[in-house]
Amino acid sequence: MERSLIIAIDFDGTCVEHCYPAIGCEVEGAVEVLRALQQRGHRLILHTVRSGATLEAAISWFQERRIPLWGVNLNIEQRRWSESPKVYAHYYIDDSALGCPIRFIDDVRRPVVDWRALRKLLEYHGIL
């Protein structure tokens, strides 16, 4: 797949373990796959319910890992054709999304994204 895709990325339970309002431990494999997506030219949008200081902390998490964000809770291009607050993307990576591969971590009640399985799906579909 050669075209640039817009991919909305959740934060808690996706990039980091659930620990809101704090920043949880990094979910294994997240950084590598996010960097690979960005390096393939895909545009990443942080798509999270965080706001204020907790949102700034999530944005800093991406900056510290040198993963450029194309948008934060906003797809700037969609304003040309819609005023909807829902962020338009080609794909959504979210631990709560039906069909997104998840895994459970010992002693953690909520699952996180299984980035190893997700990477295989992205490769299979030609996104990575």
Protein backbone atom coordinates (compact mmCIF):
# COMPACT_ATOMS: atom_id res chain seq x y z
CA MET A 1 0.00 0.00 0.00
CA GLU A 2 1.63 3.21 -1.16
CA ARG A 3 -0.86 5.85 -0.10
CA SER A 4 -0.55 7.74 3.15
CA LEU A 5 -3.21 6.71 5.64
CA ILE A 6 -4.63 8.62 8.58
CA ILE A 7 -4.46 6.48 11.70
CA ALA A 8 -6.10 7.54 14.97
CA ILE A 9 -4.26 6.20 18.02
CA ASP A 10 -5.81 5.89 21.48
CA PHE A 11 -3.43 6.39 24.40
CA ASP A 12 -4.41 4.62 27.64
CA GLY A 13 -4.48 0.87 27.15
CA THR A 14 -3.02 1.32 23.69
CA CYS A 15 0.34 3.09 23.98
CA VAL A 16 0.61 2.80 27.76
CA GLU A 17 -0.97 0.58 30.38
CA HIS A 18 -4.12 1.85 32.06
CA CYS A 19 -3.07 4.16 34.88
CA TYR A 20 -5.11 7.30 34.19
CA PRO A 21 -4.63 10.10 35.13
CA ALA A 22 -0.97 9.09 35.43
CA ILE A 23 1.00 7.79 32.47
CA GLY A 24 1.19 4.00 32.67
CA CYS A 25 4.11 1.83 31.61
CA GLU A 26 4.76 1.70 27.89
CA VAL A 27 2.95 -1.17 26.17
CA GLU A 28 5.53 -3.48 24.62
CA GLY A 29 5.88 -2.96 20.88
CA ALA A 30 3.91 0.29 20.69
CA VAL A 31 6.82 2.63 19.98
CA GLU A 32 8.36 0.43 17.31
CA VAL A 33 5.09 0.03 15.38
CA LEU A 34 4.14 3.71 15.73
CA ARG A 35 7.55 4.78 14.43
CA ALA A 36 7.29 2.31 11.55
CA LEU A 37 3.84 3.66 10.61
CA GLN A 38 5.12 7.24 10.68
CA GLN A 39 8.23 6.32 8.67
CA ARG A 40 5.98 4.76 6.00
CA GLY A 41 4.35 8.18 5.64
CA HIS A 42 1.17 7.47 7.55
CA ARG A 43 -0.29 10.38 9.52
CA LEU A 44 -0.88 9.70 13.21
CA ILE A 45 -3.58 11.41 15.23
CA LEU A 46 -3.63 11.09 19.00
CA HIS A 47 -7.28 10.23 19.69
CA THR A 48 -7.90 10.29 23.44
CA VAL A 49 -10.33 11.48 26.09
CA ARG A 50 -7.45 13.11 27.98
CA SER A 51 -7.60 16.89 28.29
CA GLY A 52 -5.68 19.69 29.95
CA ALA A 53 -2.54 18.61 31.79
CA THR A 54 -3.22 14.90 31.22
CA LEU A 55 -3.43 15.50 27.47
CA GLU A 56 -0.19 17.49 27.54
CA ALA A 57 1.47 14.57 29.32
CA ALA A 58 0.31 12.20 26.56
CA ILE A 59 1.59 14.56 23.85
CA SER A 60 4.93 14.74 25.68
CA TRP A 61 5.07 10.93 25.69
CA PHE A 62 5.02 10.97 21.88
CA GLN A 63 7.53 13.84 21.67
CA GLU A 64 9.97 12.12 24.05
CA ARG A 65 9.88 9.04 21.81
CA ARG A 66 10.29 11.12 18.64
CA ILE A 67 6.96 10.02 17.17
CA PRO A 68 5.51 13.01 15.29
CA LEU A 69 1.77 13.52 15.59
CA TRP A 70 -0.15 14.87 12.63
CA GLY A 71 -3.01 15.88 14.90
CA VAL A 72 -4.34 15.73 18.44
CA ASN A 73 -8.04 14.92 18.77
CA LEU A 74 -8.49 16.64 15.42
CA ASN A 75 -8.10 15.85 11.74
CA ILE A 76 -7.45 19.30 10.30
CA GLU A 77 -8.33 18.21 6.75
CA GLN A 78 -11.85 17.13 7.65
CA ARG A 79 -12.83 20.71 8.56
CA ARG A 80 -13.09 21.33 4.80
CA TRP A 81 -16.04 18.95 4.54
CA SER A 82 -17.44 18.40 8.05
CA GLU A 83 -17.87 20.14 11.39
CA SER A 84 -18.31 16.83 13.20
CA PRO A 85 -16.27 16.48 16.42
CA LYS A 86 -15.61 12.80 15.57
CA VAL A 87 -12.07 12.42 14.26
CA TYR A 88 -12.06 10.91 10.77
CA ALA A 89 -9.32 8.35 10.11
CA HIS A 90 -8.81 5.38 7.83
CA TYR A 91 -7.98 3.19 10.84
CA TYR A 92 -8.37 3.42 14.62
CA ILE A 93 -6.01 1.64 16.99
CA ASP A 94 -7.72 1.40 20.36
CA ASP A 95 -7.82 -1.26 23.07
CA SER A 96 -11.61 -0.82 23.14
CA ALA A 97 -12.08 -1.20 19.38
CA LEU A 98 -13.86 -4.38 18.38
CA GLY A 99 -11.40 -6.53 16.49
CA CYS A 100 -8.23 -4.84 17.76
CA PRO A 101 -5.91 -7.55 19.07
CA ILE A 102 -5.52 -7.28 22.84
CA ARG A 103 -3.66 -9.09 25.58
CA PHE A 104 -3.84 -9.15 29.34
CA ILE A 105 -0.87 -8.28 31.52
CA ASP A 106 -0.43 -10.15 34.81
CA ASP A 107 -2.38 -8.53 37.66
CA VAL A 108 -3.93 -5.93 35.34
CA ARG A 109 -7.70 -5.99 35.04
CA ARG A 110 -7.98 -4.19 31.71
CA PRO A 111 -6.34 -5.41 28.51
CA VAL A 112 -3.87 -3.50 26.36
CA VAL A 113 -3.25 -3.60 22.61
CA ASP A 114 -1.21 -6.57 21.49
CA TRP A 115 1.22 -4.72 19.24
CA ARG A 116 2.95 -7.91 18.05
CA ALA A 117 -0.34 -9.26 16.68
CA LEU A 118 -1.31 -5.82 15.39
CA ARG A 119 1.98 -5.49 13.52
CA LYS A 120 1.25 -8.80 11.75
CA LEU A 121 -2.19 -7.49 10.72
CA LEU A 122 -0.70 -4.22 9.45
CA GLU A 123 1.90 -6.13 7.46
CA TYR A 124 -0.69 -8.55 6.06
CA HIS A 125 -2.81 -5.64 4.83
CA GLY A 126 0.20 -3.83 3.33
CA ILE A 127 0.05 -0.92 5.76
CA LEU A 128 3.50 -1.76 7.14
